[in-house]
Amino acid sequence: MLYVIGLGLADEKDITLRGLEAIKKCVKVYVEAYTSLLSFGVSSAGLSTLEELYGRPVTLADREMVEERTDDILSEAHRSDVAFLVVGDPFGATTHTDLVVRAKKLGIKVNVIHNASVMNAIGVCGLQLYRYGETVSIPFFTETWRPDSFYEKILRNRQLGLHTLCLLDIRVKEPSLESLCRGRKCYEPPKYMTIQTAIEQLLEVEQMHGESAYGEESTCVGFARLGSEDQKLFSGSMRELMAVDFGAPLHCLVIVGKTHPVEEEMLEFYTIKTQNCGAKTERDRMILALH
């Protein structure tokens, strides 16, 4: 049996009881480490935290292992019970769908155990989940690569009055261009996109296309470490969110569409207040409001 188990959003304690029971039955346990991030990261100390609770050794499955050595995992699942742990929900990334498809084609039994993911946890800000359009991913720009396929999707959502969830890029164990040119793999340090970087890139693409999908004054909601005890979320214009320190990863961003009065009432709790008579500048007023 191959168990594909969602871990939830924050830490090792977010696993469901059903998921924990399944792990304890497995001979081998893998945890994927590149589509998302738990609060303690993917260090050896982080793995020890998982192993202590789960009572099993845990093997880190990076992108290279999952994409190039999946056959090893599936071969083990042919002979015994194997758990593949996914941050969030198992089907939050297409990589995990591919793993399930390959297992089923090989005649391996698959048991999927779901958990919370960013796709439903964003409801905490009050924007109703059924009023979201297509989700987009914002990749890191480079000097030679500035993809903007997300723009048309955001524009279409906005024209329909729908909210847009923007998932921000995560780069973990990515080989450097220089090392690839030399024929050997040397990995870049982990890199997680911030809300500020995402907005800068979004505004750059808007300036290029000029179809008014959004702008500096468009209302957005910024989230950091969603589901954790120290999660942060603020609502404001793109310009206002640029001045907010959201802290450590992971970050995501929602571009707000047409709102219902109930959504507006809930969103007001997280709206940045820029008016404060005791502050001398707009930035000072914003800082006071955040604290």
C-alpha atoms as a PDB file:
ATOM      1  CA  MET A   1       0.000   0.000   0.000  1.00  0.00           C
ATOM      2  CA  LEU A   2       1.158   3.534  -0.798  1.00  0.00           C
ATOM      3  CA  TYR A   3      -0.237   6.016   1.701  1.00  0.00           C
ATOM      4  CA  VAL A   4      -0.207   9.627   0.483  1.00  0.00           C
ATOM      5  CA  ILE A   5      -0.774  11.683   3.618  1.00  0.00           C
ATOM      6  CA  GLY A   6      -1.389  15.394   4.074  1.00  0.00           C
ATOM      7  CA  LEU A   7       0.497  16.987   6.968  1.00  0.00           C
ATOM      8  CA  GLY A   8      -1.480  20.230   7.186  1.00  0.00           C
ATOM      9  CA  LEU A   9      -0.024  23.715   7.184  1.00  0.00           C
ATOM     10  CA  ALA A  10       2.019  24.476  10.267  1.00  0.00           C
ATOM     11  CA  ASP A  11       3.906  21.785  12.170  1.00  0.00           C
ATOM     12  CA  GLU A  12       4.062  18.077  12.960  1.00  0.00           C
ATOM     13  CA  LYS A  13       0.971  18.265  15.183  1.00  0.00           C
ATOM     14  CA  ASP A  14      -1.333  19.202  12.314  1.00  0.00           C
ATOM     15  CA  ILE A  15      -1.446  15.641  11.008  1.00  0.00           C
ATOM     16  CA  THR A  16      -4.822  13.912  11.381  1.00  0.00           C
ATOM     17  CA  LEU A  17      -5.284  10.945  13.703  1.00  0.00           C
ATOM     18  CA  ARG A  18      -6.040   8.785  10.676  1.00  0.00           C
ATOM     19  CA  GLY A  19      -2.818   9.925   9.028  1.00  0.00           C
ATOM     20  CA  LEU A  20      -0.773   9.245  12.168  1.00  0.00           C
ATOM     21  CA  GLU A  21      -2.218   5.738  12.501  1.00  0.00           C
ATOM     22  CA  ALA A  22      -1.296   5.011   8.875  1.00  0.00           C
ATOM     23  CA  ILE A  23       2.296   6.211   9.347  1.00  0.00           C
ATOM     24  CA  LYS A  24       2.787   3.943  12.345  1.00  0.00           C
ATOM     25  CA  LYS A  25       1.893   0.940  10.141  1.00  0.00           C
ATOM     26  CA  CYS A  26       4.424   1.806   7.433  1.00  0.00           C
ATOM     27  CA  VAL A  27       7.852   0.283   6.937  1.00  0.00           C
ATOM     28  CA  LYS A  28       9.206   3.347   5.101  1.00  0.00           C
ATOM     29  CA  VAL A  29       8.204   7.008   5.478  1.00  0.00           C
ATOM     30  CA  TYR A  30       9.103   9.805   3.049  1.00  0.00           C
ATOM     31  CA  VAL A  31       8.363  13.519   3.424  1.00  0.00           C
ATOM     32  CA  GLU A  32       8.450  15.765   0.355  1.00  0.00           C
ATOM     33  CA  ALA A  33      10.412  18.961   0.847  1.00  0.00           C
ATOM     34  CA  TYR A  34      10.030  21.286  -2.107  1.00  0.00           C
ATOM     35  CA  THR A  35       6.381  22.224  -2.829  1.00  0.00           C
ATOM     36  CA  SER A  36       5.768  23.781   0.592  1.00  0.00           C
ATOM     37  CA  LEU A  37       7.292  24.262   4.049  1.00  0.00           C
ATOM     38  CA  LEU A  38       6.488  23.353   7.638  1.00  0.00           C
ATOM     39  CA  SER A  39       7.299  25.847  10.378  1.00  0.00           C
ATOM     40  CA  PHE A  40      10.526  24.053  11.369  1.00  0.00           C
ATOM     41  CA  GLY A  41      11.826  23.688   7.807  1.00  0.00           C
ATOM     42  CA  VAL A  42      13.535  20.588   6.426  1.00  0.00           C
ATOM     43  CA  SER A  43      16.704  20.463   8.519  1.00  0.00           C
ATOM     44  CA  SER A  44      17.901  17.378  10.371  1.00  0.00           C
ATOM     45  CA  ALA A  45      16.386  18.856  13.540  1.00  0.00           C
ATOM     46  CA  GLY A  46      13.076  19.214  11.737  1.00  0.00           C
ATOM     47  CA  LEU A  47      13.138  15.587  10.633  1.00  0.00           C
ATOM     48  CA  SER A  48      13.908  14.547  14.221  1.00  0.00           C
ATOM     49  CA  THR A  49      10.759  16.373  15.308  1.00  0.00           C
ATOM     50  CA  LEU A  50       8.700  14.337  12.850  1.00  0.00           C
ATOM     51  CA  GLU A  51      10.410  11.082  13.792  1.00  0.00           C
ATOM     52  CA  GLU A  52       9.818  11.617  17.503  1.00  0.00           C
ATOM     53  CA  LEU A  53       6.060  12.030  17.040  1.00  0.00           C
ATOM     54  CA  TYR A  54       5.583   9.454  14.295  1.00  0.00           C
ATOM     55  CA  GLY A  55       7.795   6.775  15.827  1.00  0.00           C
ATOM     56  CA  ARG A  56       9.392   6.005  12.471  1.00  0.00           C
ATOM     57  CA  PRO A  57      12.562   7.076  10.608  1.00  0.00           C
ATOM     58  CA  VAL A  58      11.701   9.731   8.014  1.00  0.00           C
ATOM     59  CA  THR A  59      13.498  10.101   4.684  1.00  0.00           C
ATOM     60  CA  LEU A  60      13.633  13.516   3.050  1.00  0.00           C
ATOM     61  CA  ALA A  61      12.278  13.354  -0.523  1.00  0.00           C
ATOM     62  CA  ASP A  62      13.565  16.355  -2.444  1.00  0.00           C
ATOM     63  CA  ARG A  63      12.571  17.294  -5.997  1.00  0.00           C
ATOM     64  CA  GLU A  64      15.372  15.196  -7.470  1.00  0.00           C
ATOM     65  CA  MET A  65      14.254  12.056  -5.646  1.00  0.00           C
ATOM     66  CA  VAL A  66      10.556  12.453  -6.449  1.00  0.00           C
ATOM     67  CA  GLU A  67      11.049  13.331 -10.104  1.00  0.00           C
ATOM     68  CA  GLU A  68      13.959  11.004 -10.917  1.00  0.00           C
ATOM     69  CA  ARG A  69      13.749   8.116  -8.414  1.00  0.00           C
ATOM     70  CA  THR A  70      10.016   7.590  -8.049  1.00  0.00           C
ATOM     71  CA  ASP A  71      10.455   3.996  -9.188  1.00  0.00           C
ATOM     72  CA  ASP A  72      12.371   3.251  -5.969  1.00  0.00           C
ATOM     73  CA  ILE A  73       9.483   4.508  -3.836  1.00  0.00           C
ATOM     74  CA  LEU A  74       6.911   2.592  -5.874  1.00  0.00           C
ATOM     75  CA  SER A  75       9.002  -0.574  -5.792  1.00  0.00           C
ATOM     76  CA  GLU A  76       9.025  -0.432  -1.990  1.00  0.00           C
ATOM     77  CA  ALA A  77       5.246   0.137  -1.971  1.00  0.00           C
ATOM     78  CA  HIS A  78       4.841  -3.073  -4.000  1.00  0.00           C
ATOM     79  CA  ARG A  79       6.421  -5.065  -1.171  1.00  0.00           C
ATOM     80  CA  SER A  80       5.256  -3.218   1.953  1.00  0.00           C
ATOM     81  CA  ASP A  81       3.341  -0.254   3.334  1.00  0.00           C
ATOM     82  CA  VAL A  82       5.018   3.052   2.430  1.00  0.00           C
ATOM     83  CA  ALA A  83       3.967   6.557   3.510  1.00  0.00           C
ATOM     84  CA  PHE A  84       4.588   9.633   1.366  1.00  0.00           C
ATOM     85  CA  LEU A  85       3.981  12.770   3.435  1.00  0.00           C
ATOM     86  CA  VAL A  86       2.939  16.021   1.789  1.00  0.00           C
ATOM     87  CA  VAL A  87       2.798  19.458   3.424  1.00  0.00           C
ATOM     88  CA  GLY A  88      -0.783  20.703   3.161  1.00  0.00           C
ATOM     89  CA  ASP A  89      -3.056  18.375   1.187  1.00  0.00           C
ATOM     90  CA  PRO A  90      -1.783  15.525  -1.030  1.00  0.00           C
ATOM     91  CA  PHE A  91      -3.253  17.035  -4.187  1.00  0.00           C
ATOM     92  CA  GLY A  92      -1.962  20.567  -3.666  1.00  0.00           C
ATOM     93  CA  ALA A  93       0.719  19.962  -6.329  1.00  0.00           C
ATOM     94  CA  THR A  94       0.604  18.130  -9.662  1.00  0.00           C
ATOM     95  CA  THR A  95       3.739  16.152  -8.734  1.00  0.00           C
ATOM     96  CA  HIS A  96       1.741  14.184  -6.200  1.00  0.00           C
ATOM     97  CA  THR A  97      -1.042  13.470  -8.678  1.00  0.00           C
ATOM     98  CA  ASP A  98       1.575  12.008 -10.992  1.00  0.00           C
ATOM     99  CA  LEU A  99       2.848   9.766  -8.182  1.00  0.00           C
ATOM    100  CA  VAL A 100      -0.662   8.408  -7.562  1.00  0.00           C
ATOM    101  CA  VAL A 101      -1.282   7.834 -11.294  1.00  0.00           C
ATOM    102  CA  ARG A 102       1.969   5.894 -11.664  1.00  0.00           C
ATOM    103  CA  ALA A 103       1.213   3.784  -8.591  1.00  0.00           C
ATOM    104  CA  LYS A 104      -2.266   2.867  -9.828  1.00  0.00           C
ATOM    105  CA  LYS A 105      -0.923   1.927 -13.269  1.00  0.00           C
ATOM    106  CA  LEU A 106       1.489  -0.477 -11.559  1.00  0.00           C
ATOM    107  CA  GLY A 107      -1.347  -2.054  -9.612  1.00  0.00           C
ATOM    108  CA  ILE A 108      -0.240  -0.603  -6.264  1.00  0.00           C
ATOM    109  CA  LYS A 109      -3.023   0.126  -3.804  1.00  0.00           C
ATOM    110  CA  VAL A 110      -3.177   3.823  -2.877  1.00  0.00           C
ATOM    111  CA  ASN A 111      -4.771   5.343   0.210  1.00  0.00           C
ATOM    112  CA  VAL A 112      -5.005   9.152   0.243  1.00  0.00           C
ATOM    113  CA  ILE A 113      -5.501  10.906   3.588  1.00  0.00           C
ATOM    114  CA  HIS A 114      -6.432  14.567   3.218  1.00  0.00           C
ATOM    115  CA  ASN A 115      -5.602  17.604   5.357  1.00  0.00           C
ATOM    116  CA  ALA A 116      -5.878  21.400   5.346  1.00  0.00           C
ATOM    117  CA  SER A 117      -4.107  23.332   2.589  1.00  0.00           C
ATOM    118  CA  VAL A 118      -3.656  26.934   1.509  1.00  0.00           C
ATOM    119  CA  MET A 119      -6.551  26.419  -0.909  1.00  0.00           C
ATOM    120  CA  ASN A 120      -9.085  26.384   1.918  1.00  0.00           C
ATOM    121  CA  ALA A 121      -7.189  28.054   4.775  1.00  0.00           C
ATOM    122  CA  ILE A 122      -7.255  31.405   2.921  1.00  0.00           C
ATOM    123  CA  GLY A 123     -10.900  31.566   3.948  1.00  0.00           C
ATOM    124  CA  VAL A 124      -9.692  32.919   7.295  1.00  0.00           C
ATOM    125  CA  CYS A 125      -9.648  36.466   5.872  1.00  0.00           C
ATOM    126  CA  GLY A 126     -13.381  36.338   5.174  1.00  0.00           C
ATOM    127  CA  LEU A 127     -13.326  36.167   1.375  1.00  0.00           C
ATOM    128  CA  GLN A 128     -15.677  33.323   0.499  1.00  0.00           C
ATOM    129  CA  LEU A 129     -14.016  30.343  -1.143  1.00  0.00           C
ATOM    130  CA  TYR A 130     -16.630  29.884  -3.851  1.00  0.00           C
ATOM    131  CA  ARG A 131     -15.964  33.439  -5.070  1.00  0.00           C
ATOM    132  CA  TYR A 132     -12.378  32.612  -6.167  1.00  0.00           C
ATOM    133  CA  GLY A 133     -11.347  32.180  -9.782  1.00  0.00           C
ATOM    134  CA  GLU A 134      -8.359  30.283 -11.166  1.00  0.00           C
ATOM    135  CA  THR A 135      -5.320  30.121  -8.874  1.00  0.00           C
ATOM    136  CA  VAL A 136      -2.031  31.388 -10.323  1.00  0.00           C
ATOM    137  CA  SER A 137       1.641  30.849  -9.505  1.00  0.00           C
ATOM    138  CA  ILE A 138       4.097  33.762  -9.503  1.00  0.00           C
ATOM    139  CA  PRO A 139       7.627  32.555 -10.395  1.00  0.00           C
ATOM    140  CA  PHE A 140      10.844  34.390  -9.581  1.00  0.00           C
ATOM    141  CA  PHE A 141      11.958  36.631 -12.439  1.00  0.00           C
ATOM    142  CA  THR A 142      15.543  36.449 -13.652  1.00  0.00           C
ATOM    143  CA  GLU A 143      17.502  38.741 -15.936  1.00  0.00           C
ATOM    144  CA  THR A 144      16.664  36.568 -18.942  1.00  0.00           C
ATOM    145  CA  TRP A 145      13.354  34.939 -17.932  1.00  0.00           C
ATOM    146  CA  ARG A 146      10.287  36.984 -16.976  1.00  0.00           C
ATOM    147  CA  PRO A 147       7.232  34.773 -17.538  1.00  0.00           C
ATOM    148  CA  ASP A 148       3.842  36.504 -17.387  1.00  0.00           C
ATOM    149  CA  SER A 149       1.285  33.829 -18.297  1.00  0.00           C
ATOM    150  CA  PHE A 150      -0.455  34.463 -14.969  1.00  0.00           C
ATOM    151  CA  TYR A 151      -1.539  37.929 -16.155  1.00  0.00           C
ATOM    152  CA  GLU A 152      -4.318  36.750 -18.481  1.00  0.00           C
ATOM    153  CA  LYS A 153      -5.731  34.504 -15.761  1.00  0.00           C
ATOM    154  CA  ILE A 154      -5.816  37.347 -13.230  1.00  0.00           C
ATOM    155  CA  LEU A 155      -7.401  39.642 -15.817  1.00  0.00           C
ATOM    156  CA  ARG A 156     -10.101  37.068 -16.568  1.00  0.00           C
ATOM    157  CA  ASN A 157     -10.822  36.568 -12.852  1.00  0.00           C
ATOM    158  CA  ARG A 158     -11.081  40.318 -12.318  1.00  0.00           C
ATOM    159  CA  GLN A 159     -13.441  40.743 -15.266  1.00  0.00           C
ATOM    160  CA  LEU A 160     -15.694  38.126 -13.663  1.00  0.00           C
ATOM    161  CA  GLY A 161     -15.461  39.818 -10.256  1.00  0.00           C
ATOM    162  CA  LEU A 162     -13.603  36.836  -8.748  1.00  0.00           C
ATOM    163  CA  HIS A 163     -10.753  36.797  -6.228  1.00  0.00           C
ATOM    164  CA  THR A 164      -7.349  35.425  -7.293  1.00  0.00           C
ATOM    165  CA  LEU A 165      -5.051  33.375  -5.068  1.00  0.00           C
ATOM    166  CA  CYS A 166      -1.414  33.916  -6.026  1.00  0.00           C
ATOM    167  CA  LEU A 167       0.947  31.168  -4.882  1.00  0.00           C
ATOM    168  CA  LEU A 168       4.474  32.527  -4.565  1.00  0.00           C
ATOM    169  CA  ASP A 169       7.557  30.743  -5.831  1.00  0.00           C
ATOM    170  CA  ILE A 170       9.620  28.366  -3.700  1.00  0.00           C
ATOM    171  CA  ARG A 171      13.068  27.350  -4.916  1.00  0.00           C
ATOM    172  CA  VAL A 172      14.604  24.503  -2.914  1.00  0.00           C
ATOM    173  CA  LYS A 173      17.624  22.487  -4.082  1.00  0.00           C
ATOM    174  CA  GLU A 174      17.688  24.188  -7.474  1.00  0.00           C
ATOM    175  CA  PRO A 175      20.913  23.687  -9.470  1.00  0.00           C
ATOM    176  CA  SER A 176      22.699  26.919 -10.374  1.00  0.00           C
ATOM    177  CA  LEU A 177      22.961  27.836 -14.048  1.00  0.00           C
ATOM    178  CA  GLU A 178      26.746  28.000 -13.775  1.00  0.00           C
ATOM    179  CA  SER A 179      26.994  24.464 -12.405  1.00  0.00           C
ATOM    180  CA  LEU A 180      24.693  23.092 -15.125  1.00  0.00           C
ATOM    181  CA  CYS A 181      26.877  24.699 -17.787  1.00  0.00           C
ATOM    182  CA  ARG A 182      29.886  22.959 -16.260  1.00  0.00           C
ATOM    183  CA  GLY A 183      28.122  19.612 -16.235  1.00  0.00           C
ATOM    184  CA  ARG A 184      27.877  19.166 -12.483  1.00  0.00           C
ATOM    185  CA  LYS A 185      25.146  19.957  -9.980  1.00  0.00           C
ATOM    186  CA  CYS A 186      25.779  22.687  -7.421  1.00  0.00           C
ATOM    187  CA  TYR A 187      22.650  23.833  -5.649  1.00  0.00           C
ATOM    188  CA  GLU A 188      21.573  27.376  -4.862  1.00  0.00           C
ATOM    189  CA  PRO A 189      20.498  28.289  -1.306  1.00  0.00           C
ATOM    190  CA  PRO A 190      16.742  27.909  -0.624  1.00  0.00           C
ATOM    191  CA  LYS A 191      14.750  30.920  -1.763  1.00  0.00           C
ATOM    192  CA  TYR A 192      11.167  31.863  -0.877  1.00  0.00           C
ATOM    193  CA  MET A 193       9.302  34.676  -2.603  1.00  0.00           C
ATOM    194  CA  THR A 194       7.997  37.481  -0.390  1.00  0.00           C
ATOM    195  CA  ILE A 195       4.790  39.424  -0.882  1.00  0.00           C
ATOM    196  CA  GLN A 196       6.856  42.521  -1.684  1.00  0.00           C
ATOM    197  CA  THR A 197       8.702  40.734  -4.510  1.00  0.00           C
ATOM    198  CA  ALA A 198       5.450  39.314  -5.864  1.00  0.00           C
ATOM    199  CA  ILE A 199       3.808  42.747  -5.973  1.00  0.00           C
ATOM    200  CA  GLU A 200       6.848  44.309  -7.654  1.00  0.00           C
ATOM    201  CA  GLN A 201       6.714  41.650 -10.367  1.00  0.00           C
ATOM    202  CA  LEU A 202       2.938  41.914 -10.737  1.00  0.00           C
ATOM    203  CA  LEU A 203       3.149  45.674 -11.232  1.00  0.00           C
ATOM    204  CA  GLU A 204       5.968  45.257 -13.748  1.00  0.00           C
ATOM    205  CA  VAL A 205       3.805  42.886 -15.798  1.00  0.00           C
ATOM    206  CA  GLU A 206       0.796  45.225 -15.562  1.00  0.00           C
ATOM    207  CA  GLN A 207       2.941  48.047 -16.887  1.00  0.00           C
ATOM    208  CA  MET A 208       3.952  45.861 -19.833  1.00  0.00           C
ATOM    209  CA  HIS A 209       0.393  44.764 -20.713  1.00  0.00           C
ATOM    210  CA  GLY A 210      -1.542  47.847 -19.635  1.00  0.00           C
ATOM    211  CA  GLU A 211      -4.987  46.198 -19.567  1.00  0.00           C
ATOM    212  CA  SER A 212      -5.776  47.380 -16.006  1.00  0.00           C
ATOM    213  CA  ALA A 213      -6.082  43.918 -14.481  1.00  0.00           C
ATOM    214  CA  TYR A 214      -4.851  45.518 -11.241  1.00  0.00           C
ATOM    215  CA  GLY A 215      -2.719  48.412 -10.041  1.00  0.00           C
ATOM    216  CA  GLU A 216      -1.021  49.980  -7.034  1.00  0.00           C
ATOM    217  CA  GLU A 217      -4.390  50.825  -5.481  1.00  0.00           C
ATOM    218  CA  SER A 218      -5.955  47.384  -6.031  1.00  0.00           C
ATOM    219  CA  THR A 219      -7.079  45.766  -2.795  1.00  0.00           C
ATOM    220  CA  CYS A 220      -5.182  42.619  -1.843  1.00  0.00           C
ATOM    221  CA  VAL A 221      -4.708  40.379   1.178  1.00  0.00           C
ATOM    222  CA  GLY A 222      -1.237  39.247   2.184  1.00  0.00           C
ATOM    223  CA  PHE A 223      -0.725  36.067   4.216  1.00  0.00           C
ATOM    224  CA  ALA A 224       2.363  34.735   5.979  1.00  0.00           C
ATOM    225  CA  ARG A 225       2.801  31.345   7.677  1.00  0.00           C
ATOM    226  CA  LEU A 226      -0.870  30.527   7.172  1.00  0.00           C
ATOM    227  CA  GLY A 227      -2.176  28.099   9.775  1.00  0.00           C
ATOM    228  CA  SER A 228       0.655  28.746  12.241  1.00  0.00           C
ATOM    229  CA  GLU A 229       0.262  30.369  15.641  1.00  0.00           C
ATOM    230  CA  ASP A 230       2.254  33.376  14.407  1.00  0.00           C
ATOM    231  CA  GLN A 231       0.433  33.743  11.095  1.00  0.00           C
ATOM    232  CA  LYS A 232       0.056  37.262   9.716  1.00  0.00           C
ATOM    233  CA  LEU A 233      -2.569  38.608   7.372  1.00  0.00           C
ATOM    234  CA  PHE A 234      -3.228  42.176   6.305  1.00  0.00           C
ATOM    235  CA  SER A 235      -5.575  43.686   3.766  1.00  0.00           C
ATOM    236  CA  GLY A 236      -4.761  46.858   1.863  1.00  0.00           C
ATOM    237  CA  SER A 237      -3.726  48.222  -1.484  1.00  0.00           C
ATOM    238  CA  MET A 238      -0.703  46.747  -3.232  1.00  0.00           C
ATOM    239  CA  ARG A 239       1.139  49.933  -2.362  1.00  0.00           C
ATOM    240  CA  GLU A 240       0.262  49.605   1.343  1.00  0.00           C
ATOM    241  CA  LEU A 241       1.199  45.917   1.536  1.00  0.00           C
ATOM    242  CA  MET A 242       4.623  46.741   0.124  1.00  0.00           C
ATOM    243  CA  ALA A 243       5.399  48.523   3.421  1.00  0.00           C
ATOM    244  CA  VAL A 244       4.395  45.615   5.671  1.00  0.00           C
ATOM    245  CA  ASP A 245       7.026  43.291   7.121  1.00  0.00           C
ATOM    246  CA  PHE A 246       5.392  39.873   6.879  1.00  0.00           C
ATOM    247  CA  GLY A 247       8.426  38.086   8.298  1.00  0.00           C
ATOM    248  CA  ALA A 248       9.506  34.534   7.565  1.00  0.00           C
ATOM    249  CA  PRO A 249       8.046  32.364   4.764  1.00  0.00           C
ATOM    250  CA  LEU A 250       5.766  31.059   3.430  1.00  0.00           C
ATOM    251  CA  HIS A 251       3.876  33.996   1.903  1.00  0.00           C
ATOM    252  CA  CYS A 252       0.890  34.102  -0.434  1.00  0.00           C
ATOM    253  CA  LEU A 253      -1.231  36.887  -1.877  1.00  0.00           C
ATOM    254  CA  VAL A 254      -4.890  37.296  -2.819  1.00  0.00           C
ATOM    255  CA  ILE A 255      -6.008  39.932  -5.332  1.00  0.00           C
ATOM    256  CA  VAL A 256      -9.524  40.859  -4.264  1.00  0.00           C
ATOM    257  CA  GLY A 257     -12.359  40.841  -6.792  1.00  0.00           C
ATOM    258  CA  LYS A 258     -15.902  42.098  -6.311  1.00  0.00           C
ATOM    259  CA  THR A 259     -16.860  41.776  -2.647  1.00  0.00           C
ATOM    260  CA  HIS A 260     -20.077  40.924  -0.841  1.00  0.00           C
ATOM    261  CA  PRO A 261     -21.020  43.072   2.212  1.00  0.00           C
ATOM    262  CA  VAL A 262     -20.361  40.106   4.532  1.00  0.00           C
ATOM    263  CA  GLU A 263     -16.883  39.686   3.024  1.00  0.00           C
ATOM    264  CA  GLU A 264     -16.186  43.398   3.488  1.00  0.00           C
ATOM    265  CA  GLU A 265     -17.249  43.249   7.135  1.00  0.00           C
ATOM    266  CA  MET A 266     -14.844  40.396   7.848  1.00  0.00           C
ATOM    267  CA  LEU A 267     -12.029  41.890   5.761  1.00  0.00           C
ATOM    268  CA  GLU A 268     -12.248  45.104   7.768  1.00  0.00           C
ATOM    269  CA  PHE A 269     -10.672  43.328  10.764  1.00  0.00           C
ATOM    270  CA  TYR A 270      -7.457  42.926   8.756  1.00  0.00           C
ATOM    271  CA  THR A 271      -7.428  46.199   6.849  1.00  0.00           C
ATOM    272  CA  ILE A 272      -4.384  48.428   7.290  1.00  0.00           C
ATOM    273  CA  LYS A 273      -5.459  51.686   8.942  1.00  0.00           C
ATOM    274  CA  THR A 274      -3.420  54.620   7.618  1.00  0.00           C
ATOM    275  CA  GLN A 275      -5.112  57.399   9.569  1.00  0.00           C
ATOM    276  CA  ASN A 276      -3.600  58.132  12.973  1.00  0.00           C
ATOM    277  CA  CYS A 277      -3.347  61.709  14.270  1.00  0.00           C
ATOM    278  CA  GLY A 278      -0.326  60.989  16.454  1.00  0.00           C
ATOM    279  CA  ALA A 279       1.861  59.899  13.557  1.00  0.00           C
ATOM    280  CA  LYS A 280       3.838  62.308  11.424  1.00  0.00           C
ATOM    281  CA  THR A 281       3.955  60.408   8.117  1.00  0.00           C
ATOM    282  CA  GLU A 282       1.819  57.905   6.280  1.00  0.00           C
ATOM    283  CA  ARG A 283       4.406  55.193   6.925  1.00  0.00           C
ATOM    284  CA  ASP A 284       4.402  56.052  10.663  1.00  0.00           C
ATOM    285  CA  ARG A 285       0.604  55.842  10.737  1.00  0.00           C
ATOM    286  CA  MET A 286       0.719  52.453   9.053  1.00  0.00           C
ATOM    287  CA  ILE A 287       3.298  51.104  11.493  1.00  0.00           C
ATOM    288  CA  LEU A 288       1.199  52.259  14.445  1.00  0.00           C
ATOM    289  CA  ALA A 289      -1.884  50.611  12.961  1.00  0.00           C
ATOM    290  CA  LEU A 290      -0.065  47.277  12.522  1.00  0.00           C
ATOM    291  CA  HIS A 291       0.986  47.243  16.153  1.00  0.00           C
END
